[in-house]
Amino acid sequence: MRTLVVAIATALRGVSVNRLDLRGLTMPEPMRRALRAADALEPAQALEVLTASPSMPLLKALDERGLRWRTEPLEDGGAWVAILRPAA
């Protein structure tokens, strides 16, 4: 499940991948925080987000921003989302 983030971090050669665990927050705070962090990404930076449930509005917002993402379910019913701002 974490292989995409590991691959991104490896490809970026030393760039750290920040992780946000937003599972304990009530809506709409997880989406606000995830988008704020995603908007702050520099080109070729990545972010890992954990949410309490899959969020189609979040994924749509990431698409609208031109960000790449991948999501996978978590055992607890939540979702893992890897977000990458492509290099120029």
C-alpha atoms as a PDB file:
ATOM      1  CA  MET A   1       0.000   0.000   0.000  1.00  0.00           C
ATOM      2  CA  ARG A   2       2.791   2.421   0.799  1.00  0.00           C
ATOM      3  CA  THR A   3       4.840   1.443  -2.230  1.00  0.00           C
ATOM      4  CA  LEU A   4       3.739   4.464  -4.273  1.00  0.00           C
ATOM      5  CA  VAL A   5       4.967   6.889  -1.627  1.00  0.00           C
ATOM      6  CA  VAL A   6       8.223   4.958  -1.289  1.00  0.00           C
ATOM      7  CA  ALA A   7       8.654   4.980  -5.077  1.00  0.00           C
ATOM      8  CA  ILE A   8       7.923   8.711  -5.214  1.00  0.00           C
ATOM      9  CA  ALA A   9      10.366   9.444  -2.392  1.00  0.00           C
ATOM     10  CA  THR A  10      13.039   7.293  -4.019  1.00  0.00           C
ATOM     11  CA  ALA A  11      12.510   8.916  -7.402  1.00  0.00           C
ATOM     12  CA  LEU A  12      12.771  12.348  -5.830  1.00  0.00           C
ATOM     13  CA  ARG A  13      16.116  11.398  -4.248  1.00  0.00           C
ATOM     14  CA  GLY A  14      15.902  12.489  -0.675  1.00  0.00           C
ATOM     15  CA  VAL A  15      12.762  14.599  -0.760  1.00  0.00           C
ATOM     16  CA  SER A  16      10.759  13.773   2.345  1.00  0.00           C
ATOM     17  CA  VAL A  17       7.126  12.808   2.055  1.00  0.00           C
ATOM     18  CA  ASN A  18       4.996  14.513   4.677  1.00  0.00           C
ATOM     19  CA  ARG A  19       2.194  12.535   6.290  1.00  0.00           C
ATOM     20  CA  LEU A  20      -1.117  13.898   7.562  1.00  0.00           C
ATOM     21  CA  ASP A  21      -3.347  11.657   9.648  1.00  0.00           C
ATOM     22  CA  LEU A  22      -6.755  13.338   9.452  1.00  0.00           C
ATOM     23  CA  ARG A  23      -8.855  10.382  10.597  1.00  0.00           C
ATOM     24  CA  GLY A  24      -9.890  11.901  13.940  1.00  0.00           C
ATOM     25  CA  LEU A  25     -11.296  15.126  12.503  1.00  0.00           C
ATOM     26  CA  THR A  26     -14.886  15.925  11.596  1.00  0.00           C
ATOM     27  CA  MET A  27     -15.896  17.158   8.169  1.00  0.00           C
ATOM     28  CA  PRO A  28     -15.067  19.436   6.483  1.00  0.00           C
ATOM     29  CA  GLU A  29     -11.768  19.835   8.362  1.00  0.00           C
ATOM     30  CA  PRO A  30      -9.983  16.824   6.792  1.00  0.00           C
ATOM     31  CA  MET A  31     -10.611  18.131   3.275  1.00  0.00           C
ATOM     32  CA  ARG A  32      -9.572  21.673   4.215  1.00  0.00           C
ATOM     33  CA  ARG A  33      -6.309  20.505   5.762  1.00  0.00           C
ATOM     34  CA  ALA A  34      -5.529  18.068   2.954  1.00  0.00           C
ATOM     35  CA  LEU A  35      -6.080  20.733   0.293  1.00  0.00           C
ATOM     36  CA  ARG A  36      -4.086  23.340   2.223  1.00  0.00           C
ATOM     37  CA  ALA A  37      -1.152  20.908   2.432  1.00  0.00           C
ATOM     38  CA  ALA A  38      -1.541  19.866  -1.217  1.00  0.00           C
ATOM     39  CA  ASP A  39      -1.634  23.497  -2.340  1.00  0.00           C
ATOM     40  CA  ALA A  40       1.649  24.101  -0.493  1.00  0.00           C
ATOM     41  CA  LEU A  41       3.485  21.336  -2.377  1.00  0.00           C
ATOM     42  CA  GLU A  42       6.323  22.490  -4.572  1.00  0.00           C
ATOM     43  CA  PRO A  43       6.901  20.783  -7.941  1.00  0.00           C
ATOM     44  CA  ALA A  44       8.075  17.173  -7.451  1.00  0.00           C
ATOM     45  CA  GLN A  45       6.983  17.090  -3.786  1.00  0.00           C
ATOM     46  CA  ALA A  46       4.635  14.470  -2.377  1.00  0.00           C
ATOM     47  CA  LEU A  47       2.186  14.173   0.483  1.00  0.00           C
ATOM     48  CA  GLU A  48       0.581  11.199   2.194  1.00  0.00           C
ATOM     49  CA  VAL A  49      -2.906  11.687   3.704  1.00  0.00           C
ATOM     50  CA  LEU A  50      -4.932   9.313   5.874  1.00  0.00           C
ATOM     51  CA  THR A  51      -8.687   9.966   6.021  1.00  0.00           C
ATOM     52  CA  ALA A  52     -11.565   8.321   7.895  1.00  0.00           C
ATOM     53  CA  SER A  53     -13.370   7.512   4.659  1.00  0.00           C
ATOM     54  CA  PRO A  54     -12.801   7.749   0.910  1.00  0.00           C
ATOM     55  CA  SER A  55     -13.468  11.292  -0.307  1.00  0.00           C
ATOM     56  CA  MET A  56     -14.506  11.800  -3.903  1.00  0.00           C
ATOM     57  CA  PRO A  57     -14.723  15.604  -3.397  1.00  0.00           C
ATOM     58  CA  LEU A  58     -11.071  15.608  -2.284  1.00  0.00           C
ATOM     59  CA  LEU A  59      -9.970  13.584  -5.300  1.00  0.00           C
ATOM     60  CA  LYS A  60     -11.927  15.855  -7.642  1.00  0.00           C
ATOM     61  CA  ALA A  61     -10.318  18.933  -6.066  1.00  0.00           C
ATOM     62  CA  LEU A  62      -6.867  17.376  -6.511  1.00  0.00           C
ATOM     63  CA  ASP A  63      -7.634  16.728 -10.180  1.00  0.00           C
ATOM     64  CA  GLU A  64      -8.770  20.330 -10.629  1.00  0.00           C
ATOM     65  CA  ARG A  65      -5.430  21.504  -9.202  1.00  0.00           C
ATOM     66  CA  GLY A  66      -3.461  19.354 -11.651  1.00  0.00           C
ATOM     67  CA  LEU A  67      -2.113  17.116  -8.896  1.00  0.00           C
ATOM     68  CA  ARG A  68      -1.506  13.394  -9.313  1.00  0.00           C
ATOM     69  CA  TRP A  69      -2.911  11.056  -6.707  1.00  0.00           C
ATOM     70  CA  ARG A  70      -3.457   7.455  -5.817  1.00  0.00           C
ATOM     71  CA  THR A  71      -5.761   6.115  -3.145  1.00  0.00           C
ATOM     72  CA  GLU A  72      -6.142   2.755  -1.462  1.00  0.00           C
ATOM     73  CA  PRO A  73      -8.510   1.582   1.274  1.00  0.00           C
ATOM     74  CA  LEU A  74      -7.301   1.130   4.831  1.00  0.00           C
ATOM     75  CA  GLU A  75      -8.308  -1.844   6.945  1.00  0.00           C
ATOM     76  CA  ASP A  76     -10.270   0.435   9.310  1.00  0.00           C
ATOM     77  CA  GLY A  77     -12.496   1.668   6.466  1.00  0.00           C
ATOM     78  CA  GLY A  78     -10.484   4.820   5.932  1.00  0.00           C
ATOM     79  CA  ALA A  79      -8.437   5.787   2.925  1.00  0.00           C
ATOM     80  CA  TRP A  80      -4.767   6.357   2.172  1.00  0.00           C
ATOM     81  CA  VAL A  81      -4.100   9.030  -0.438  1.00  0.00           C
ATOM     82  CA  ALA A  82      -0.702   9.763  -1.975  1.00  0.00           C
ATOM     83  CA  ILE A  83      -0.538  13.186  -3.641  1.00  0.00           C
ATOM     84  CA  LEU A  84       2.206  14.404  -5.965  1.00  0.00           C
ATOM     85  CA  ARG A  85       2.698  17.804  -7.552  1.00  0.00           C
ATOM     86  CA  PRO A  86       4.354  16.965 -10.865  1.00  0.00           C
ATOM     87  CA  ALA A  87       7.702  18.511 -11.739  1.00  0.00           C
ATOM     88  CA  ALA A  88       7.444  21.315 -14.253  1.00  0.00           C
END
